[in-house]
Amino acid sequence: MLVVVSVLITTGLLMVALRTETELRFITVFSMIATLLITQFVAHGLTAPLDEMNTVAKGISHGDYTRRVSGADRRDELGDLASTINRMADDLESVDRHRKELVANVSHELRTPIAALRAVLENVVDGVSAADPETMRTALKQTERLGRLVETLLDLSRLDNGVLPLKARRFEVWPYLSGVLKEANLAASQRALSSGSGNHTRTDVHLHLDVSPPELTAHADAERLHQVVANLIDNAVKHSPPHGRVTVRARRGHGPESLDLEIQDEGPGIPEPERHRVFERFNRGSAPSPHGPGSDGGTGLGLAIASWAVDLHGGRIGVAESVRGCLIQVTLPGIPRARG
């Protein structure tokens, strides 16, 4: 393009010189000046995007993933390069955000067993309770849960490497969920008697389990499902009114050994404009709804952890319409269908 424009300008000046009898040396000078100006303009158009890409790349190398290169819509090599740099910045920003979320999720999950274990040990040291087998079994149970959380970290590492072993198995739903609800009640009672550390300390909310049929079975990773149900119950209890009721329903899904879960509370519910954001990290909602006694606003990670565990199963989780309170539905696919 530069060569063509320069030739056209030089030809035009020569034709003018021939018709006006202008000296050739003036035409030559004018042609050189015009060519240099055009070259400067084109060179600036080529180097300006490269300078911007260099600036953005330096920012990325220093941890600034917010800047993007303009001109990604250009239909040339520079446009392709700008688009590639922007995609790289998006990927790095996503990885950095997931790393920070992982640290927050791990801290959130470790807090509960550590607080319960500390409460048990403080009671033994202060003489409030004796170091009998029952107390030691409680401490052992929390220690075992800490061990399972460490295993979860290893699984997350395998997930980053593209390999995540879901230990799915067939289990009976009623005794499994009954155990999760009993553990939630026991943990709340222990936290209420201790310093109040951990998740909710509500002991006035009634937990109700509804499984139909009673012999219902499902196929899922029990540890991951425990994360889902425990966090959803914790969130529902926090937002329940005094002496409220939280209902956990379990029904058979459409596929073999699939499972449909519902967790419903009697709280103020979630406004419809915010329902698509409730599973985001650190989202606590903006509705001015008072929490029940002994509850707090939480860290905004419980529902995010539940969503993460459901996604690992290939299931779905979301907020459904409800006449009263908040209704969260979870669908687990069960046994994967064999490919023919």
C-alpha atoms as a PDB file:
ATOM      1  CA  MET A   1       0.000   0.000   0.000  1.00  0.00           C
ATOM      2  CA  LEU A   2       2.869   2.356   0.851  1.00  0.00           C
ATOM      3  CA  VAL A   3       4.615   1.624  -2.466  1.00  0.00           C
ATOM      4  CA  VAL A   4       1.451   2.082  -4.506  1.00  0.00           C
ATOM      5  CA  VAL A   5       0.609   5.428  -2.876  1.00  0.00           C
ATOM      6  CA  SER A   6       4.194   6.677  -3.311  1.00  0.00           C
ATOM      7  CA  VAL A   7       4.223   5.735  -7.010  1.00  0.00           C
ATOM      8  CA  LEU A   8       0.871   7.425  -7.575  1.00  0.00           C
ATOM      9  CA  ILE A   9       2.031  10.644  -5.906  1.00  0.00           C
ATOM     10  CA  THR A  10       5.316  10.689  -7.820  1.00  0.00           C
ATOM     11  CA  THR A  11       3.501  10.042 -11.132  1.00  0.00           C
ATOM     12  CA  GLY A  12       1.035  12.805 -10.409  1.00  0.00           C
ATOM     13  CA  LEU A  13       3.783  15.296  -9.625  1.00  0.00           C
ATOM     14  CA  LEU A  14       5.645  14.345 -12.820  1.00  0.00           C
ATOM     15  CA  MET A  15       2.533  14.943 -14.913  1.00  0.00           C
ATOM     16  CA  VAL A  16       2.090  18.325 -13.233  1.00  0.00           C
ATOM     17  CA  ALA A  17       5.752  19.164 -13.926  1.00  0.00           C
ATOM     18  CA  LEU A  18       5.427  18.264 -17.603  1.00  0.00           C
ATOM     19  CA  ARG A  19       2.364  20.419 -18.088  1.00  0.00           C
ATOM     20  CA  THR A  20       3.641  23.382 -16.077  1.00  0.00           C
ATOM     21  CA  GLU A  21       7.297  23.093 -17.129  1.00  0.00           C
ATOM     22  CA  THR A  22       8.411  22.860 -13.487  1.00  0.00           C
ATOM     23  CA  GLU A  23      11.988  21.809 -12.893  1.00  0.00           C
ATOM     24  CA  LEU A  24      12.548  18.131 -12.171  1.00  0.00           C
ATOM     25  CA  ARG A  25      14.528  18.797  -9.019  1.00  0.00           C
ATOM     26  CA  PHE A  26      11.530  20.436  -7.347  1.00  0.00           C
ATOM     27  CA  ILE A  27       9.351  17.500  -8.296  1.00  0.00           C
ATOM     28  CA  THR A  28      11.919  15.121  -6.820  1.00  0.00           C
ATOM     29  CA  VAL A  29      12.019  17.040  -3.531  1.00  0.00           C
ATOM     30  CA  PHE A  30       8.237  17.174  -3.294  1.00  0.00           C
ATOM     31  CA  SER A  31       7.991  13.436  -4.042  1.00  0.00           C
ATOM     32  CA  MET A  32      10.522  12.552  -1.328  1.00  0.00           C
ATOM     33  CA  ILE A  33       8.747  14.726   1.245  1.00  0.00           C
ATOM     34  CA  ALA A  34       5.347  13.192   0.416  1.00  0.00           C
ATOM     35  CA  THR A  35       6.779   9.681   0.527  1.00  0.00           C
ATOM     36  CA  LEU A  36       8.410  10.284   3.928  1.00  0.00           C
ATOM     37  CA  LEU A  37       5.186  11.680   5.388  1.00  0.00           C
ATOM     38  CA  ILE A  38       3.198   8.717   4.164  1.00  0.00           C
ATOM     39  CA  THR A  39       5.851   6.329   5.460  1.00  0.00           C
ATOM     40  CA  GLN A  40       5.762   8.004   8.890  1.00  0.00           C
ATOM     41  CA  PHE A  41       1.968   7.736   9.012  1.00  0.00           C
ATOM     42  CA  VAL A  42       1.935   4.048   8.034  1.00  0.00           C
ATOM     43  CA  ALA A  43       4.835   3.205  10.374  1.00  0.00           C
ATOM     44  CA  HIS A  44       3.023   4.831  13.293  1.00  0.00           C
ATOM     45  CA  GLY A  45      -0.070   2.788  12.476  1.00  0.00           C
ATOM     46  CA  LEU A  46       2.059  -0.364  12.619  1.00  0.00           C
ATOM     47  CA  THR A  47       4.125   0.399  15.713  1.00  0.00           C
ATOM     48  CA  ALA A  48       1.404   1.940  17.921  1.00  0.00           C
ATOM     49  CA  PRO A  49      -0.453  -1.415  18.364  1.00  0.00           C
ATOM     50  CA  LEU A  50       2.871  -3.137  19.028  1.00  0.00           C
ATOM     51  CA  ASP A  51       3.730  -0.579  21.712  1.00  0.00           C
ATOM     52  CA  GLU A  52       0.322  -1.122  23.323  1.00  0.00           C
ATOM     53  CA  MET A  53       0.802  -4.901  23.222  1.00  0.00           C
ATOM     54  CA  ASN A  54       4.211  -4.501  24.831  1.00  0.00           C
ATOM     55  CA  THR A  55       2.717  -2.384  27.632  1.00  0.00           C
ATOM     56  CA  VAL A  56      -0.094  -4.864  28.269  1.00  0.00           C
ATOM     57  CA  ALA A  57       2.336  -7.809  28.234  1.00  0.00           C
ATOM     58  CA  LYS A  58       4.555  -6.082  30.813  1.00  0.00           C
ATOM     59  CA  GLY A  59       1.506  -5.469  32.990  1.00  0.00           C
ATOM     60  CA  ILE A  60       0.536  -9.150  32.778  1.00  0.00           C
ATOM     61  CA  SER A  61       4.057 -10.178  33.769  1.00  0.00           C
ATOM     62  CA  HIS A  62       3.657  -8.045  36.926  1.00  0.00           C
ATOM     63  CA  GLY A  63       0.267  -9.547  37.821  1.00  0.00           C
ATOM     64  CA  ASP A  64      -2.045  -6.938  36.268  1.00  0.00           C
ATOM     65  CA  TYR A  65      -4.642  -8.970  34.351  1.00  0.00           C
ATOM     66  CA  THR A  66      -7.209  -6.191  33.945  1.00  0.00           C
ATOM     67  CA  ARG A  67      -5.778  -4.433  30.868  1.00  0.00           C
ATOM     68  CA  ARG A  68      -6.647  -5.512  27.340  1.00  0.00           C
ATOM     69  CA  VAL A  69      -5.258  -4.693  23.894  1.00  0.00           C
ATOM     70  CA  SER A  70      -7.480  -2.647  21.612  1.00  0.00           C
ATOM     71  CA  GLY A  71      -7.832  -3.442  17.926  1.00  0.00           C
ATOM     72  CA  ALA A  72      -8.635  -7.139  18.361  1.00  0.00           C
ATOM     73  CA  ASP A  73     -11.346  -6.709  15.705  1.00  0.00           C
ATOM     74  CA  ARG A  74      -8.789  -5.859  12.999  1.00  0.00           C
ATOM     75  CA  ARG A  75      -8.675  -8.315  10.102  1.00  0.00           C
ATOM     76  CA  ASP A  76      -4.927  -8.642   9.861  1.00  0.00           C
ATOM     77  CA  GLU A  77      -1.976 -10.177  11.700  1.00  0.00           C
ATOM     78  CA  LEU A  78      -2.000  -7.437  14.337  1.00  0.00           C
ATOM     79  CA  GLY A  79      -5.658  -8.118  15.054  1.00  0.00           C
ATOM     80  CA  ASP A  80      -4.935 -11.832  15.479  1.00  0.00           C
ATOM     81  CA  LEU A  81      -2.040 -11.059  17.823  1.00  0.00           C
ATOM     82  CA  ALA A  82      -4.175  -8.649  19.886  1.00  0.00           C
ATOM     83  CA  SER A  83      -6.941 -11.245  20.167  1.00  0.00           C
ATOM     84  CA  THR A  84      -4.430 -13.882  21.297  1.00  0.00           C
ATOM     85  CA  ILE A  85      -2.997 -11.584  23.986  1.00  0.00           C
ATOM     86  CA  ASN A  86      -6.490 -10.750  25.269  1.00  0.00           C
ATOM     87  CA  ARG A  87      -7.401 -14.442  25.493  1.00  0.00           C
ATOM     88  CA  MET A  88      -4.176 -15.113  27.376  1.00  0.00           C
ATOM     89  CA  ALA A  89      -4.996 -12.289  29.813  1.00  0.00           C
ATOM     90  CA  ASP A  90      -8.516 -13.700  30.322  1.00  0.00           C
ATOM     91  CA  ASP A  91      -7.120 -17.167  31.061  1.00  0.00           C
ATOM     92  CA  LEU A  92      -4.506 -15.851  33.488  1.00  0.00           C
ATOM     93  CA  GLU A  93      -7.072 -13.684  35.243  1.00  0.00           C
ATOM     94  CA  SER A  94      -9.371 -16.694  35.598  1.00  0.00           C
ATOM     95  CA  VAL A  95      -6.561 -18.849  37.012  1.00  0.00           C
ATOM     96  CA  ASP A  96      -5.596 -16.137  39.504  1.00  0.00           C
ATOM     97  CA  ARG A  97      -9.217 -15.712  40.587  1.00  0.00           C
ATOM     98  CA  HIS A  98      -9.640 -19.467  41.052  1.00  0.00           C
ATOM     99  CA  ARG A  99      -6.456 -19.587  43.115  1.00  0.00           C
ATOM    100  CA  LYS A 100      -7.773 -16.907  45.465  1.00  0.00           C
ATOM    101  CA  GLU A 101     -11.154 -18.611  45.652  1.00  0.00           C
ATOM    102  CA  LEU A 102      -9.465 -21.907  46.489  1.00  0.00           C
ATOM    103  CA  VAL A 103      -7.665 -20.347  49.449  1.00  0.00           C
ATOM    104  CA  ALA A 104     -10.934 -18.802  50.647  1.00  0.00           C
ATOM    105  CA  ASN A 105     -12.857 -22.071  50.209  1.00  0.00           C
ATOM    106  CA  VAL A 106     -10.236 -24.085  52.070  1.00  0.00           C
ATOM    107  CA  SER A 107     -10.196 -21.587  54.938  1.00  0.00           C
ATOM    108  CA  HIS A 108     -13.971 -21.717  55.111  1.00  0.00           C
ATOM    109  CA  GLU A 109     -14.042 -25.509  55.216  1.00  0.00           C
ATOM    110  CA  LEU A 110     -11.198 -25.867  57.726  1.00  0.00           C
ATOM    111  CA  ARG A 111     -12.704 -23.429  60.182  1.00  0.00           C
ATOM    112  CA  THR A 112     -15.566 -25.662  61.362  1.00  0.00           C
ATOM    113  CA  PRO A 113     -13.652 -28.837  62.380  1.00  0.00           C
ATOM    114  CA  ILE A 114     -10.822 -26.798  63.887  1.00  0.00           C
ATOM    115  CA  ALA A 115     -13.281 -24.770  65.981  1.00  0.00           C
ATOM    116  CA  ALA A 116     -15.087 -27.928  67.135  1.00  0.00           C
ATOM    117  CA  LEU A 117     -11.828 -29.710  67.966  1.00  0.00           C
ATOM    118  CA  ARG A 118     -10.561 -26.678  69.873  1.00  0.00           C
ATOM    119  CA  ALA A 119     -13.804 -26.479  71.866  1.00  0.00           C
ATOM    120  CA  VAL A 120     -13.524 -30.140  72.879  1.00  0.00           C
ATOM    121  CA  LEU A 121      -9.891 -29.809  73.915  1.00  0.00           C
ATOM    122  CA  GLU A 122     -10.529 -26.573  75.840  1.00  0.00           C
ATOM    123  CA  ASN A 123     -13.345 -28.243  77.758  1.00  0.00           C
ATOM    124  CA  VAL A 124     -11.030 -31.120  78.688  1.00  0.00           C
ATOM    125  CA  VAL A 125      -8.195 -28.798  79.738  1.00  0.00           C
ATOM    126  CA  ASP A 126     -10.516 -26.528  81.778  1.00  0.00           C
ATOM    127  CA  GLY A 127     -12.126 -29.514  83.496  1.00  0.00           C
ATOM    128  CA  VAL A 128     -15.567 -28.832  82.043  1.00  0.00           C
ATOM    129  CA  SER A 129     -15.683 -32.336  80.582  1.00  0.00           C
ATOM    130  CA  ALA A 130     -13.660 -35.443  81.299  1.00  0.00           C
ATOM    131  CA  ALA A 131     -11.358 -37.076  78.809  1.00  0.00           C
ATOM    132  CA  ASP A 132     -13.712 -40.052  78.528  1.00  0.00           C
ATOM    133  CA  PRO A 133     -14.071 -42.219  75.405  1.00  0.00           C
ATOM    134  CA  GLU A 134     -17.105 -40.256  74.189  1.00  0.00           C
ATOM    135  CA  THR A 135     -15.231 -36.945  74.289  1.00  0.00           C
ATOM    136  CA  MET A 136     -12.213 -38.471  72.596  1.00  0.00           C
ATOM    137  CA  ARG A 137     -14.447 -39.944  69.904  1.00  0.00           C
ATOM    138  CA  THR A 138     -15.803 -36.453  69.220  1.00  0.00           C
ATOM    139  CA  ALA A 139     -12.259 -35.095  68.896  1.00  0.00           C
ATOM    140  CA  LEU A 140     -11.286 -38.026  66.691  1.00  0.00           C
ATOM    141  CA  LYS A 141     -14.257 -37.427  64.423  1.00  0.00           C
ATOM    142  CA  GLN A 142     -13.216 -33.813  63.818  1.00  0.00           C
ATOM    143  CA  THR A 143      -9.627 -34.901  63.233  1.00  0.00           C
ATOM    144  CA  GLU A 144     -10.827 -37.389  60.658  1.00  0.00           C
ATOM    145  CA  ARG A 145     -12.819 -34.647  58.969  1.00  0.00           C
ATOM    146  CA  LEU A 146      -9.658 -32.540  58.778  1.00  0.00           C
ATOM    147  CA  GLY A 147      -7.980 -35.481  57.097  1.00  0.00           C
ATOM    148  CA  ARG A 148     -10.791 -35.689  54.559  1.00  0.00           C
ATOM    149  CA  LEU A 149     -10.391 -31.998  53.812  1.00  0.00           C
ATOM    150  CA  VAL A 150      -6.703 -32.562  53.097  1.00  0.00           C
ATOM    151  CA  GLU A 151      -7.752 -35.304  50.705  1.00  0.00           C
ATOM    152  CA  THR A 152     -10.052 -32.773  49.068  1.00  0.00           C
ATOM    153  CA  LEU A 153      -7.083 -30.480  48.489  1.00  0.00           C
ATOM    154  CA  LEU A 154      -5.284 -33.323  46.771  1.00  0.00           C
ATOM    155  CA  ASP A 155      -8.354 -33.895  44.616  1.00  0.00           C
ATOM    156  CA  LEU A 156      -8.388 -30.216  43.672  1.00  0.00           C
ATOM    157  CA  SER A 157      -4.760 -30.529  42.651  1.00  0.00           C
ATOM    158  CA  ARG A 158      -5.695 -33.473  40.446  1.00  0.00           C
ATOM    159  CA  LEU A 159      -8.565 -31.394  39.045  1.00  0.00           C
ATOM    160  CA  ASP A 160      -6.099 -28.690  37.993  1.00  0.00           C
ATOM    161  CA  ASN A 161      -4.124 -31.402  36.230  1.00  0.00           C
ATOM    162  CA  GLY A 162      -7.227 -32.628  34.427  1.00  0.00           C
ATOM    163  CA  VAL A 163      -7.821 -35.704  36.606  1.00  0.00           C
ATOM    164  CA  LEU A 164     -10.418 -35.753  39.401  1.00  0.00           C
ATOM    165  CA  PRO A 165     -11.423 -39.100  40.926  1.00  0.00           C
ATOM    166  CA  LEU A 166     -15.058 -38.901  42.002  1.00  0.00           C
ATOM    167  CA  LYS A 167     -15.557 -41.776  44.425  1.00  0.00           C
ATOM    168  CA  ALA A 168     -19.182 -42.349  43.511  1.00  0.00           C
ATOM    169  CA  ARG A 169     -20.992 -45.275  45.057  1.00  0.00           C
ATOM    170  CA  ARG A 170     -24.525 -46.485  45.683  1.00  0.00           C
ATOM    171  CA  PHE A 171     -25.969 -45.627  49.102  1.00  0.00           C
ATOM    172  CA  GLU A 172     -29.275 -45.416  50.916  1.00  0.00           C
ATOM    173  CA  VAL A 173     -30.492 -41.843  51.021  1.00  0.00           C
ATOM    174  CA  TRP A 174     -32.502 -41.843  54.278  1.00  0.00           C
ATOM    175  CA  PRO A 175     -29.774 -42.988  56.702  1.00  0.00           C
ATOM    176  CA  TYR A 176     -27.179 -40.892  54.893  1.00  0.00           C
ATOM    177  CA  LEU A 177     -29.132 -37.616  55.048  1.00  0.00           C
ATOM    178  CA  SER A 178     -30.296 -38.414  58.570  1.00  0.00           C
ATOM    179  CA  GLY A 179     -26.657 -38.603  59.625  1.00  0.00           C
ATOM    180  CA  VAL A 180     -25.871 -35.283  57.946  1.00  0.00           C
ATOM    181  CA  LEU A 181     -28.752 -33.563  59.765  1.00  0.00           C
ATOM    182  CA  LYS A 182     -27.752 -35.047  63.123  1.00  0.00           C
ATOM    183  CA  GLU A 183     -24.180 -33.898  62.606  1.00  0.00           C
ATOM    184  CA  ALA A 184     -25.411 -30.382  61.771  1.00  0.00           C
ATOM    185  CA  ASN A 185     -27.469 -30.272  64.994  1.00  0.00           C
ATOM    186  CA  LEU A 186     -24.578 -31.611  67.057  1.00  0.00           C
ATOM    187  CA  ALA A 187     -22.092 -29.159  65.582  1.00  0.00           C
ATOM    188  CA  ALA A 188     -24.460 -26.229  66.202  1.00  0.00           C
ATOM    189  CA  SER A 189     -24.953 -27.284  69.828  1.00  0.00           C
ATOM    190  CA  GLN A 190     -21.193 -27.569  70.400  1.00  0.00           C
ATOM    191  CA  ARG A 191     -20.554 -24.144  68.872  1.00  0.00           C
ATOM    192  CA  ALA A 192     -23.345 -22.573  70.915  1.00  0.00           C
ATOM    193  CA  LEU A 193     -21.814 -23.967  74.126  1.00  0.00           C
ATOM    194  CA  SER A 194     -18.314 -22.844  73.158  1.00  0.00           C
ATOM    195  CA  SER A 195     -17.162 -19.485  71.860  1.00  0.00           C
ATOM    196  CA  GLY A 196     -19.570 -19.345  68.940  1.00  0.00           C
ATOM    197  CA  SER A 197     -16.823 -19.945  66.394  1.00  0.00           C
ATOM    198  CA  GLY A 198     -17.570 -21.696  63.142  1.00  0.00           C
ATOM    199  CA  ASN A 199     -20.786 -21.565  61.151  1.00  0.00           C
ATOM    200  CA  HIS A 200     -24.228 -20.936  62.606  1.00  0.00           C
ATOM    201  CA  THR A 201     -24.930 -21.386  66.337  1.00  0.00           C
ATOM    202  CA  ARG A 202     -28.698 -21.664  65.950  1.00  0.00           C
ATOM    203  CA  THR A 203     -30.290 -24.385  68.045  1.00  0.00           C
ATOM    204  CA  ASP A 204     -33.889 -23.165  67.785  1.00  0.00           C
ATOM    205  CA  VAL A 205     -34.383 -24.141  64.128  1.00  0.00           C
ATOM    206  CA  HIS A 206     -35.974 -27.536  63.497  1.00  0.00           C
ATOM    207  CA  LEU A 207     -34.467 -29.704  60.754  1.00  0.00           C
ATOM    208  CA  HIS A 208     -36.969 -31.967  59.004  1.00  0.00           C
ATOM    209  CA  LEU A 209     -36.092 -34.795  56.609  1.00  0.00           C
ATOM    210  CA  ASP A 210     -38.538 -36.001  53.940  1.00  0.00           C
ATOM    211  CA  VAL A 211     -37.369 -38.951  51.808  1.00  0.00           C
ATOM    212  CA  SER A 212     -39.763 -40.710  49.451  1.00  0.00           C
ATOM    213  CA  PRO A 213     -39.760 -43.598  48.958  1.00  0.00           C
ATOM    214  CA  PRO A 214     -38.073 -44.514  52.278  1.00  0.00           C
ATOM    215  CA  GLU A 215     -35.894 -47.121  50.549  1.00  0.00           C
ATOM    216  CA  LEU A 216     -34.607 -44.572  48.027  1.00  0.00           C
ATOM    217  CA  THR A 217     -31.028 -45.112  46.858  1.00  0.00           C
ATOM    218  CA  ALA A 218     -28.685 -42.908  44.865  1.00  0.00           C
ATOM    219  CA  HIS A 219     -25.285 -43.039  43.189  1.00  0.00           C
ATOM    220  CA  ALA A 220     -22.908 -40.172  44.057  1.00  0.00           C
ATOM    221  CA  ASP A 221     -19.733 -39.225  45.908  1.00  0.00           C
ATOM    222  CA  ALA A 222     -20.792 -39.251  49.558  1.00  0.00           C
ATOM    223  CA  GLU A 223     -18.107 -36.796  50.704  1.00  0.00           C
ATOM    224  CA  ARG A 224     -18.933 -34.283  47.964  1.00  0.00           C
ATOM    225  CA  LEU A 225     -22.659 -34.651  48.626  1.00  0.00           C
ATOM    226  CA  HIS A 226     -21.969 -34.016  52.313  1.00  0.00           C
ATOM    227  CA  GLN A 227     -20.419 -30.675  51.338  1.00  0.00           C
ATOM    228  CA  VAL A 228     -23.528 -29.798  49.340  1.00  0.00           C
ATOM    229  CA  VAL A 229     -26.121 -30.693  51.975  1.00  0.00           C
ATOM    230  CA  ALA A 230     -24.152 -29.347  54.956  1.00  0.00           C
ATOM    231  CA  ASN A 231     -23.531 -25.972  53.345  1.00  0.00           C
ATOM    232  CA  LEU A 232     -27.111 -25.631  52.118  1.00  0.00           C
ATOM    233  CA  ILE A 233     -28.469 -26.515  55.566  1.00  0.00           C
ATOM    234  CA  ASP A 234     -26.079 -24.061  57.200  1.00  0.00           C
ATOM    235  CA  ASN A 235     -27.221 -21.297  54.851  1.00  0.00           C
ATOM    236  CA  ALA A 236     -30.905 -22.121  55.379  1.00  0.00           C
ATOM    237  CA  VAL A 237     -30.567 -22.149  59.175  1.00  0.00           C
ATOM    238  CA  LYS A 238     -28.795 -18.779  59.184  1.00  0.00           C
ATOM    239  CA  HIS A 239     -31.686 -17.153  57.321  1.00  0.00           C
ATOM    240  CA  SER A 240     -34.501 -18.872  59.227  1.00  0.00           C
ATOM    241  CA  PRO A 241     -36.774 -16.965  61.608  1.00  0.00           C
ATOM    242  CA  PRO A 242     -36.774 -17.839  65.324  1.00  0.00           C
ATOM    243  CA  HIS A 243     -38.023 -21.390  65.848  1.00  0.00           C
ATOM    244  CA  GLY A 244     -38.250 -21.829  62.097  1.00  0.00           C
ATOM    245  CA  ARG A 245     -38.173 -25.016  60.073  1.00  0.00           C
ATOM    246  CA  VAL A 246     -35.727 -26.233  57.433  1.00  0.00           C
ATOM    247  CA  THR A 247     -36.928 -29.110  55.257  1.00  0.00           C
ATOM    248  CA  VAL A 248     -34.665 -31.429  53.284  1.00  0.00           C
ATOM    249  CA  ARG A 249     -36.570 -33.394  50.635  1.00  0.00           C
ATOM    250  CA  ALA A 250     -35.163 -36.238  48.555  1.00  0.00           C
ATOM    251  CA  ARG A 251     -36.874 -37.807  45.573  1.00  0.00           C
ATOM    252  CA  ARG A 252     -35.897 -40.193  42.800  1.00  0.00           C
ATOM    253  CA  GLY A 253     -34.642 -38.453  39.662  1.00  0.00           C
ATOM    254  CA  HIS A 254     -35.271 -39.290  36.024  1.00  0.00           C
ATOM    255  CA  GLY A 255     -32.145 -41.386  35.459  1.00  0.00           C
ATOM    256  CA  PRO A 256     -30.982 -44.616  37.127  1.00  0.00           C
ATOM    257  CA  GLU A 257     -29.880 -43.959  40.737  1.00  0.00           C
ATOM    258  CA  SER A 258     -30.317 -40.213  40.154  1.00  0.00           C
ATOM    259  CA  LEU A 259     -31.377 -37.928  42.979  1.00  0.00           C
ATOM    260  CA  ASP A 260     -33.437 -34.745  43.295  1.00  0.00           C
ATOM    261  CA  LEU A 261     -32.828 -32.754  46.485  1.00  0.00           C
ATOM    262  CA  GLU A 262     -34.672 -29.733  47.831  1.00  0.00           C
ATOM    263  CA  ILE A 263     -33.656 -27.600  50.805  1.00  0.00           C
ATOM    264  CA  GLN A 264     -36.320 -25.126  51.891  1.00  0.00           C
ATOM    265  CA  ASP A 265     -36.385 -22.637  54.746  1.00  0.00           C
ATOM    266  CA  GLU A 266     -38.965 -20.198  56.069  1.00  0.00           C
ATOM    267  CA  GLY A 267     -36.815 -17.100  55.796  1.00  0.00           C
ATOM    268  CA  PRO A 268     -37.311 -13.981  53.662  1.00  0.00           C
ATOM    269  CA  GLY A 269     -36.183 -15.731  50.480  1.00  0.00           C
ATOM    270  CA  ILE A 270     -33.911 -14.441  47.710  1.00  0.00           C
ATOM    271  CA  PRO A 271     -35.060 -11.598  45.429  1.00  0.00           C
ATOM    272  CA  GLU A 272     -35.384 -12.759  41.833  1.00  0.00           C
ATOM    273  CA  PRO A 273     -32.784 -10.296  40.441  1.00  0.00           C
ATOM    274  CA  GLU A 274     -30.166 -11.782  42.796  1.00  0.00           C
ATOM    275  CA  ARG A 275     -30.878 -15.476  42.217  1.00  0.00           C
ATOM    276  CA  HIS A 276     -28.317 -15.856  39.444  1.00  0.00           C
ATOM    277  CA  ARG A 277     -25.587 -14.487  41.736  1.00  0.00           C
ATOM    278  CA  VAL A 278     -26.170 -16.453  44.942  1.00  0.00           C
ATOM    279  CA  PHE A 279     -23.630 -19.120  43.979  1.00  0.00           C
ATOM    280  CA  GLU A 280     -20.845 -16.640  43.289  1.00  0.00           C
ATOM    281  CA  ARG A 281     -17.888 -16.417  45.667  1.00  0.00           C
ATOM    282  CA  PHE A 282     -18.204 -13.904  48.516  1.00  0.00           C
ATOM    283  CA  ASN A 283     -21.768 -13.017  47.562  1.00  0.00           C
ATOM    284  CA  ARG A 284     -23.849 -12.409  50.715  1.00  0.00           C
ATOM    285  CA  GLY A 285     -26.839 -10.797  49.044  1.00  0.00           C
ATOM    286  CA  SER A 286     -28.107  -7.264  49.479  1.00  0.00           C
ATOM    287  CA  ALA A 287     -31.600  -7.864  50.809  1.00  0.00           C
ATOM    288  CA  PRO A 288     -32.030  -6.149  54.212  1.00  0.00           C
ATOM    289  CA  SER A 289     -33.309  -9.304  55.904  1.00  0.00           C
ATOM    290  CA  PRO A 290     -32.551  -9.772  59.603  1.00  0.00           C
ATOM    291  CA  HIS A 291     -30.837 -12.995  60.577  1.00  0.00           C
ATOM    292  CA  GLY A 292     -32.110 -15.097  63.357  1.00  0.00           C
ATOM    293  CA  PRO A 293     -30.550 -14.997  66.798  1.00  0.00           C
ATOM    294  CA  GLY A 294     -27.087 -16.411  66.962  1.00  0.00           C
ATOM    295  CA  SER A 295     -26.521 -16.275  63.230  1.00  0.00           C
ATOM    296  CA  ASP A 296     -24.233 -14.122  61.154  1.00  0.00           C
ATOM    297  CA  GLY A 297     -23.920 -13.078  57.552  1.00  0.00           C
ATOM    298  CA  GLY A 298     -21.384 -15.773  56.741  1.00  0.00           C
ATOM    299  CA  THR A 299     -18.490 -15.423  54.354  1.00  0.00           C
ATOM    300  CA  GLY A 300     -20.449 -15.900  51.140  1.00  0.00           C
ATOM    301  CA  LEU A 301     -18.679 -19.163  50.295  1.00  0.00           C
ATOM    302  CA  GLY A 302     -21.062 -21.905  51.408  1.00  0.00           C
ATOM    303  CA  LEU A 303     -23.299 -21.843  48.335  1.00  0.00           C
ATOM    304  CA  ALA A 304     -20.256 -21.490  46.083  1.00  0.00           C
ATOM    305  CA  ILE A 305     -18.773 -24.667  47.578  1.00  0.00           C
ATOM    306  CA  ALA A 306     -22.103 -26.470  47.114  1.00  0.00           C
ATOM    307  CA  SER A 307     -22.262 -25.390  43.476  1.00  0.00           C
ATOM    308  CA  TRP A 308     -18.674 -26.558  42.934  1.00  0.00           C
ATOM    309  CA  ALA A 309     -19.453 -30.036  44.315  1.00  0.00           C
ATOM    310  CA  VAL A 310     -22.631 -30.357  42.219  1.00  0.00           C
ATOM    311  CA  ASP A 311     -20.755 -29.351  39.079  1.00  0.00           C
ATOM    312  CA  LEU A 312     -18.227 -32.121  39.721  1.00  0.00           C
ATOM    313  CA  HIS A 313     -21.078 -34.626  39.484  1.00  0.00           C
ATOM    314  CA  GLY A 314     -22.365 -33.073  36.280  1.00  0.00           C
ATOM    315  CA  GLY A 315     -25.541 -32.054  38.098  1.00  0.00           C
ATOM    316  CA  ARG A 316     -27.535 -28.838  38.444  1.00  0.00           C
ATOM    317  CA  ILE A 317     -28.209 -26.486  41.359  1.00  0.00           C
ATOM    318  CA  GLY A 318     -30.390 -23.409  41.425  1.00  0.00           C
ATOM    319  CA  VAL A 319     -32.950 -21.307  43.262  1.00  0.00           C
ATOM    320  CA  ALA A 320     -36.553 -22.280  42.501  1.00  0.00           C
ATOM    321  CA  GLU A 321     -39.829 -20.433  42.947  1.00  0.00           C
ATOM    322  CA  SER A 322     -41.332 -20.803  46.398  1.00  0.00           C
ATOM    323  CA  VAL A 323     -44.396 -19.357  48.119  1.00  0.00           C
ATOM    324  CA  ARG A 324     -42.439 -18.881  51.343  1.00  0.00           C
ATOM    325  CA  GLY A 325     -38.754 -18.764  52.116  1.00  0.00           C
ATOM    326  CA  CYS A 326     -35.944 -19.936  49.867  1.00  0.00           C
ATOM    327  CA  LEU A 327     -36.077 -23.187  47.901  1.00  0.00           C
ATOM    328  CA  ILE A 328     -32.852 -24.560  46.436  1.00  0.00           C
ATOM    329  CA  GLN A 329     -33.039 -27.548  44.091  1.00  0.00           C
ATOM    330  CA  VAL A 330     -30.174 -29.952  43.421  1.00  0.00           C
ATOM    331  CA  THR A 331     -30.210 -32.606  40.704  1.00  0.00           C
ATOM    332  CA  LEU A 332     -27.561 -35.333  40.597  1.00  0.00           C
ATOM    333  CA  PRO A 333     -27.442 -37.477  37.420  1.00  0.00           C
ATOM    334  CA  GLY A 334     -26.727 -40.822  39.129  1.00  0.00           C
ATOM    335  CA  ILE A 335     -25.152 -43.623  37.121  1.00  0.00           C
ATOM    336  CA  PRO A 336     -23.837 -42.345  33.749  1.00  0.00           C
ATOM    337  CA  ARG A 337     -25.492 -43.931  30.752  1.00  0.00           C
ATOM    338  CA  ALA A 338     -23.293 -46.346  28.819  1.00  0.00           C
ATOM    339  CA  ARG A 339     -22.293 -45.142  25.389  1.00  0.00           C
ATOM    340  CA  GLY A 340     -23.220 -47.530  22.643  1.00  0.00           C
END
